[in-house]
Every structure is written in C-alpha cells, then in structure tokens.
N, C-alpha and C. Protein backbone atom coordinates (compact mmCIF):
# COMPACT_ATOMS: atom_id res chain seq x y z
N UNK A 1 101.59 141.31 14.48
CA UNK A 1 102.20 139.67 13.85
C UNK A 1 101.79 139.26 14.79
N UNK A 2 101.26 138.03 13.81
CA UNK A 2 100.83 136.62 14.54
C UNK A 2 101.80 135.60 14.52
N UNK A 3 102.02 134.98 15.40
CA UNK A 3 102.70 133.67 15.51
C UNK A 3 101.67 132.32 15.58
N UNK A 4 101.61 131.75 14.69
CA UNK A 4 100.25 130.69 14.78
C UNK A 4 101.11 129.46 15.40
N UNK A 5 100.29 128.97 16.51
CA UNK A 5 100.82 127.32 16.80
C UNK A 5 99.70 126.59 16.54
N UNK A 6 100.11 125.77 15.61
CA UNK A 6 99.06 124.74 15.49
C UNK A 6 98.85 123.67 15.89
N UNK A 7 97.60 123.51 16.50
CA UNK A 7 97.98 122.04 17.52
C UNK A 7 96.71 121.65 17.50
N UNK A 8 96.13 121.23 16.30
CA UNK A 8 94.85 120.59 15.88
C UNK A 8 94.59 119.22 16.83
N UNK A 9 95.64 118.49 16.96
CA UNK A 9 95.44 117.28 17.68
C UNK A 9 95.56 117.34 18.90
N UNK A 10 95.72 118.32 19.65
CA UNK A 10 95.34 118.59 21.05
C UNK A 10 94.44 118.39 21.63
N UNK A 11 93.19 118.13 20.87
CA UNK A 11 91.97 118.24 21.56
C UNK A 11 91.64 116.56 21.88
N UNK A 12 92.48 115.67 21.27
CA UNK A 12 92.21 114.36 21.57
C UNK A 12 93.58 113.71 22.12
N UNK A 13 94.28 114.34 22.99
CA UNK A 13 95.23 113.81 23.82
C UNK A 13 95.15 112.70 24.52
N UNK A 14 93.91 112.44 25.32
CA UNK A 14 93.69 111.10 25.92
C UNK A 14 93.50 109.98 24.97
N UNK A 15 93.43 110.14 23.70
CA UNK A 15 92.94 109.01 22.82
C UNK A 15 94.27 108.55 22.17
N UNK A 16 95.32 109.58 22.10
CA UNK A 16 96.53 109.36 21.20
C UNK A 16 97.82 108.63 22.23
N UNK A 17 98.63 107.66 21.56
CA UNK A 17 99.80 107.13 22.49
C UNK A 17 100.47 108.37 22.99
N UNK A 18 100.31 108.30 24.24
CA UNK A 18 101.42 109.36 25.01
C UNK A 18 102.89 109.48 24.41
N UNK A 19 103.70 108.23 24.03
CA UNK A 19 104.93 108.28 23.40
C UNK A 19 104.93 108.92 22.13
N UNK A 20 104.01 109.32 21.66
CA UNK A 20 104.03 109.78 20.09
C UNK A 20 103.82 111.13 19.99
N UNK A 21 103.31 111.87 21.08
CA UNK A 21 102.97 113.16 21.17
C UNK A 21 103.99 114.30 21.32
N UNK A 22 104.78 113.86 22.50
CA UNK A 22 105.74 115.12 23.39
C UNK A 22 106.78 115.35 22.62
N UNK A 23 107.45 114.71 21.62
CA UNK A 23 108.50 114.85 20.86
C UNK A 23 108.30 115.93 19.91
N UNK A 24 107.32 115.88 18.95
CA UNK A 24 107.04 116.92 18.03
C UNK A 24 106.96 118.11 18.24
N UNK A 25 106.16 117.81 19.38
CA UNK A 25 105.34 119.67 20.12
C UNK A 25 106.50 120.09 20.65
N UNK A 26 107.22 119.17 21.30
CA UNK A 26 108.20 119.78 22.39
C UNK A 26 109.08 120.80 21.25
N UNK A 27 109.43 120.02 20.52
CA UNK A 27 110.46 121.01 19.42
C UNK A 27 109.61 121.64 18.68
N UNK A 28 108.49 122.11 18.68
CA UNK A 28 107.58 123.18 18.17
C UNK A 28 107.60 124.36 19.10
N UNK A 29 107.46 123.75 20.14
CA UNK A 29 107.36 124.89 21.48
C UNK A 29 108.46 125.54 21.75
N UNK A 30 109.80 124.77 21.67
CA UNK A 30 110.94 125.25 21.49
C UNK A 30 111.24 126.51 20.71
N UNK A 31 110.99 126.01 19.41
CA UNK A 31 110.86 126.91 18.40
C UNK A 31 110.25 128.21 18.37
N UNK A 32 108.99 128.01 19.01
CA UNK A 32 108.20 129.12 19.09
C UNK A 32 108.80 130.26 20.41
N UNK A 33 109.10 129.78 21.35
CA UNK A 33 109.91 130.57 22.41
C UNK A 33 111.17 131.25 21.63
N UNK A 34 111.87 130.29 21.06
CA UNK A 34 113.05 131.07 20.45
C UNK A 34 112.62 132.49 19.76
N UNK A 35 111.65 132.29 18.73
CA UNK A 35 110.85 133.00 17.80
C UNK A 35 110.41 134.43 18.83
N UNK A 36 109.82 133.92 19.76
CA UNK A 36 109.56 135.01 20.58
C UNK A 36 110.47 135.89 21.10
N UNK A 37 111.72 135.12 21.49
CA UNK A 37 112.90 135.96 22.13
C UNK A 37 113.61 136.57 20.64
N UNK A 38 113.55 136.00 19.68
CA UNK A 38 114.17 136.72 18.65
C UNK A 38 113.13 138.26 18.15
N UNK A 39 112.00 138.18 18.10
CA UNK A 39 111.46 139.31 18.07
C UNK A 39 111.23 140.34 18.86
N UNK A 40 111.96 140.00 20.51
CA UNK A 40 111.78 141.17 21.32
C UNK A 40 110.87 140.40 22.38
N UNK A 41 110.11 139.41 22.33
CA UNK A 41 109.10 139.58 23.34
C UNK A 41 109.11 138.21 23.80
N UNK A 42 110.15 137.93 24.75
CA UNK A 42 110.34 136.39 25.00
C UNK A 42 109.28 136.07 26.23
N UNK A 43 109.16 134.75 26.50
CA UNK A 43 108.40 134.36 27.66
C UNK A 43 108.92 134.88 29.05
N UNK A 44 108.46 135.36 29.90
CA UNK A 44 108.83 135.56 31.22
C UNK A 44 109.77 134.15 31.91
N UNK A 45 110.33 134.33 32.81
CA UNK A 45 111.56 133.66 33.22
C UNK A 45 110.46 132.21 33.79
N UNK A 46 109.57 132.50 34.60
CA UNK A 46 108.52 131.53 35.14
C UNK A 46 107.86 130.95 34.12
N UNK A 47 107.75 131.23 33.07
CA UNK A 47 106.59 130.83 31.91
C UNK A 47 107.83 130.05 31.52
N UNK A 48 108.56 130.31 31.16
CA UNK A 48 109.91 129.30 30.50
C UNK A 48 109.95 128.26 31.41
N UNK A 49 110.51 128.45 32.54
CA UNK A 49 110.57 127.56 33.30
C UNK A 49 109.56 126.22 33.41
N UNK A 50 108.29 126.74 33.64
CA UNK A 50 107.19 126.08 33.83
C UNK A 50 107.09 125.18 32.45
N UNK A 51 106.88 125.95 31.09
CA UNK A 51 106.71 125.25 30.06
C UNK A 51 107.83 123.79 29.92
N UNK A 52 109.20 124.27 30.39
CA UNK A 52 110.02 123.32 30.01
C UNK A 52 109.92 121.93 31.05
N UNK A 53 109.57 122.19 32.06
CA UNK A 53 109.06 121.31 33.13
C UNK A 53 107.87 120.33 32.49
N UNK A 54 106.76 121.03 31.84
CA UNK A 54 106.05 120.17 31.29
C UNK A 54 106.55 119.35 30.10
N UNK A 55 107.19 119.86 29.27
CA UNK A 55 107.92 119.08 28.13
C UNK A 55 108.88 117.95 28.50
N UNK A 56 109.50 118.14 29.97
CA UNK A 56 110.46 117.42 30.11
C UNK A 56 109.39 115.82 30.83
N UNK A 57 108.21 116.66 31.56
CA UNK A 57 107.08 115.49 32.02
C UNK A 57 106.28 114.80 30.81
N UNK A 58 106.41 115.47 29.56
CA UNK A 58 105.58 115.06 28.69
C UNK A 58 104.19 115.40 29.07
N UNK A 59 103.78 116.29 29.61
CA UNK A 59 102.48 116.61 30.16
C UNK A 59 101.85 117.93 29.06
N UNK A 60 101.27 117.33 27.97
CA UNK A 60 100.49 118.35 27.13
C UNK A 60 99.65 118.87 27.67
N UNK A 61 98.73 118.78 28.65
CA UNK A 61 97.71 119.17 29.13
C UNK A 61 98.40 120.22 30.09
N UNK A 62 99.40 120.33 30.59
CA UNK A 62 100.16 121.13 31.24
C UNK A 62 100.32 122.28 30.37
N UNK A 63 100.99 121.63 29.42
CA UNK A 63 101.78 122.70 28.35
C UNK A 63 100.92 123.74 27.43
N UNK A 64 99.45 123.12 27.32
CA UNK A 64 98.52 123.55 26.50
C UNK A 64 97.84 124.62 27.75
N UNK A 65 97.95 124.59 28.75
CA UNK A 65 97.07 125.27 29.88
C UNK A 65 98.31 126.60 29.96
N UNK A 66 99.75 126.12 30.24
CA UNK A 66 100.72 127.38 30.19
C UNK A 66 100.72 128.28 29.08
N UNK A 67 100.23 127.75 27.80
CA UNK A 67 100.43 128.90 26.58
C UNK A 67 98.87 129.37 26.51
N UNK A 68 98.27 129.06 26.89
CA UNK A 68 96.76 129.60 26.66
C UNK A 68 97.12 131.29 27.22
N UNK A 69 97.81 131.47 28.06
CA UNK A 69 97.49 132.98 28.53
C UNK A 69 98.18 133.98 27.37
N UNK A 70 98.88 133.40 26.52
CA UNK A 70 99.38 134.01 25.18
C UNK A 70 98.66 133.84 23.99
N UNK A 71 97.54 133.02 23.89
CA UNK A 71 96.56 133.21 22.92
C UNK A 71 95.63 133.91 22.82
N UNK A 72 95.41 134.82 21.74
CA UNK A 72 94.67 135.78 21.47
C UNK A 72 93.24 135.38 20.99
N UNK A 73 93.18 134.31 20.08
CA UNK A 73 92.28 134.19 19.35
C UNK A 73 92.35 132.15 19.13
N UNK A 74 91.33 131.45 19.21
CA UNK A 74 91.20 129.98 18.93
C UNK A 74 90.40 130.08 17.83
N UNK A 75 91.07 129.47 16.82
CA UNK A 75 90.31 129.13 15.42
C UNK A 75 89.84 127.86 15.27
N UNK A 76 89.01 127.20 15.14
CA UNK A 76 88.27 126.00 14.90
C UNK A 76 87.73 125.73 13.53
N UNK A 77 88.27 124.95 12.72
CA UNK A 77 87.96 124.41 11.47
C UNK A 77 87.43 122.97 11.76
N UNK A 78 85.92 122.87 11.82
CA UNK A 78 85.32 121.66 11.71
C UNK A 78 85.56 120.70 10.77
N UNK A 79 84.77 119.49 10.78
CA UNK A 79 85.15 118.46 9.56
C UNK A 79 84.42 118.92 8.41
N UNK A 80 83.43 119.89 8.05
CA UNK A 80 83.09 120.30 7.22
C UNK A 80 83.61 121.66 6.76
N UNK A 81 84.84 121.73 7.26
CA UNK A 81 85.50 122.87 6.90
C UNK A 81 85.02 124.46 7.33
N UNK A 82 83.81 124.32 8.32
CA UNK A 82 83.69 125.62 8.77
C UNK A 82 84.42 126.32 9.66
N UNK A 83 84.75 127.42 9.52
CA UNK A 83 85.75 128.24 10.67
C UNK A 83 84.87 128.93 11.62
N UNK A 84 85.21 128.69 13.06
CA UNK A 84 84.63 129.68 14.05
C UNK A 84 85.90 130.17 14.74
N UNK A 85 85.44 131.40 15.53
CA UNK A 85 86.65 132.10 15.99
C UNK A 85 86.22 132.43 17.66
N UNK A 86 87.12 132.01 18.53
CA UNK A 86 86.69 132.79 19.72
C UNK A 86 87.96 133.41 20.31
N UNK A 87 87.78 134.18 21.00
CA UNK A 87 88.70 134.94 22.02
C UNK A 87 89.55 134.04 22.97
N UNK A 88 90.83 134.36 23.28
CA UNK A 88 91.69 133.66 24.02
C UNK A 88 91.77 134.29 25.25
N UNK A 89 92.77 134.18 25.93
CA UNK A 89 93.02 134.62 27.48
C UNK A 89 94.07 135.80 27.43
N UNK A 90 95.03 135.96 26.11
CA UNK A 90 95.40 137.28 26.20
C UNK A 90 94.82 138.33 25.77
N UNK A 91 95.60 139.50 26.59
CA UNK A 91 94.82 140.64 26.83
C UNK A 91 94.77 141.20 25.37
N UNK A 92 93.82 141.71 24.69
CA UNK A 92 93.84 142.08 23.30
C UNK A 92 94.42 144.08 23.10
N UNK A 93 95.76 144.19 23.36
CA UNK A 93 95.79 145.42 23.16
C UNK A 93 96.84 145.55 22.19
N UNK A 94 96.87 147.02 21.74
CA UNK A 94 98.07 147.25 20.68
C UNK A 94 99.27 148.25 21.12
N UNK A 95 100.06 148.10 20.71
CA UNK A 95 101.25 149.18 20.94
C UNK A 95 101.21 150.23 19.72
N UNK A 96 100.85 151.52 20.10
CA UNK A 96 100.73 152.51 18.98
C UNK A 96 102.47 152.76 18.35
N UNK A 97 102.42 152.34 17.17
CA UNK A 97 103.64 152.58 16.27
C UNK A 97 104.46 151.55 16.33
N UNK A 98 104.11 150.41 16.87
CA UNK A 98 104.96 149.25 17.00
C UNK A 98 103.85 148.19 16.67
N UNK A 99 104.30 147.04 17.25
CA UNK A 99 103.49 145.73 16.80
C UNK A 99 103.49 144.90 18.28
N UNK A 100 102.55 144.05 18.53
CA UNK A 100 102.35 143.25 19.61
C UNK A 100 102.38 141.76 18.97
N UNK A 101 102.88 140.82 19.06
CA UNK A 101 102.85 139.68 18.67
C UNK A 101 101.78 138.56 19.59
N UNK A 102 100.99 138.03 19.12
CA UNK A 102 100.11 137.21 19.58
C UNK A 102 99.90 135.72 19.25
N UNK A 103 99.54 134.86 20.21
CA UNK A 103 99.53 133.50 19.70
C UNK A 103 98.01 133.05 19.22
N UNK A 104 98.09 132.15 17.78
CA UNK A 104 96.74 132.05 17.33
C UNK A 104 96.75 130.54 17.04
N UNK A 105 95.95 130.08 17.96
CA UNK A 105 95.73 128.36 18.39
C UNK A 105 94.53 127.97 17.30
N UNK A 106 95.34 127.44 16.42
CA UNK A 106 94.31 126.70 15.07
C UNK A 106 93.77 125.31 15.44
N UNK A 107 92.91 124.59 15.43
CA UNK A 107 92.19 123.47 15.69
C UNK A 107 91.72 122.90 14.38
N UNK A 108 92.32 122.29 13.76
CA UNK A 108 92.18 121.88 12.35
C UNK A 108 91.47 120.36 12.37
N UNK A 109 90.03 120.19 12.85
CA UNK A 109 89.55 119.16 12.70
C UNK A 109 89.26 118.41 11.36
N UNK A 110 89.12 119.21 10.35
CA UNK A 110 88.77 119.27 8.59
C UNK A 110 90.24 118.58 8.17
N UNK A 111 91.28 118.76 8.53
CA UNK A 111 92.66 118.56 8.21
C UNK A 111 92.68 118.89 7.12
N UNK A 112 92.55 120.11 6.68
CA UNK A 112 92.42 120.81 5.68
C UNK A 112 94.01 121.71 5.58
N UNK A 113 94.28 121.93 4.15
CA UNK A 113 95.71 122.27 4.10
C UNK A 113 95.39 123.44 3.54
N UNK A 114 94.01 123.91 3.22
CA UNK A 114 94.10 125.46 2.61
C UNK A 114 94.65 126.32 3.25
N UNK A 115 94.92 127.62 2.75
CA UNK A 115 95.41 129.05 3.85
C UNK A 115 94.66 129.48 4.36
N UNK A 116 95.16 129.96 5.43
CA UNK A 116 93.87 130.51 6.54
C UNK A 116 94.47 131.88 6.46
N UNK A 117 93.32 132.96 5.80
CA UNK A 117 93.61 134.31 5.97
C UNK A 117 93.49 135.18 6.83
N UNK A 118 93.80 135.78 7.57
CA UNK A 118 93.10 136.80 8.53
C UNK A 118 93.43 138.34 8.15
N UNK A 119 92.02 138.74 8.23
CA UNK A 119 91.70 139.97 7.74
C UNK A 119 91.08 140.82 8.85
C-alpha cells in the first residue's frame, strides 16, 4: 500500500509568500496522519508532536525534514514530463503476509495531471 504525499511546490518554498503555504499543507499532513493511524501505522508520539510544532510555526522546511523518514521514493516529473525516481530514507522492508505503508513524494515540476502508475 502506498500513500502518496504530493508536494511539488516544496522545492520553491523560499520563493513563495509564506502566508499562502502552511494552511493547505497543514490540512494535508493532518489527513495523512489520520490515514496512517486508521490503517494501523500511526506516526510515533515524538514525530507527531514535532510535526504539530512545525505546523504551528509554519515551518515547511522542518515539516519536510520530519516526513523524510517515512518516504520510500522521491518521484520527480521534470518540466519535459520525464520521470526520475530515487530512494528515500524509509527502510524498504516488507511484511510477509501483510502490508507496509510507505510515503511516496511526488515533485511535479511539469504540473501534469496524468496518472502516475507504480509497477
């Protein structure tokens, strides 16, 4: 099972007005935390506390750093719509007879709306 956290605009955080960034991202991160808890793999207490502090401060760089530990793959779609993938910091292990949810960070520089298939 993959939970996809779409954050293409995080690459250019310094260039965007700070007041426009935190609110939508905060809601998405809270939904992500709820989804992870719902499927039985909640963020540990320290991570949840640190995420909430970063959200309260509006620190997108801290938030990005905190979520990095759960990202299995970084998928980048460049402006020419070419896709590249690199490994994230999450430990890539499987659970026999079960599932292990990971985050996949998609950086969509092409602003494409085409489906992204994982195989």
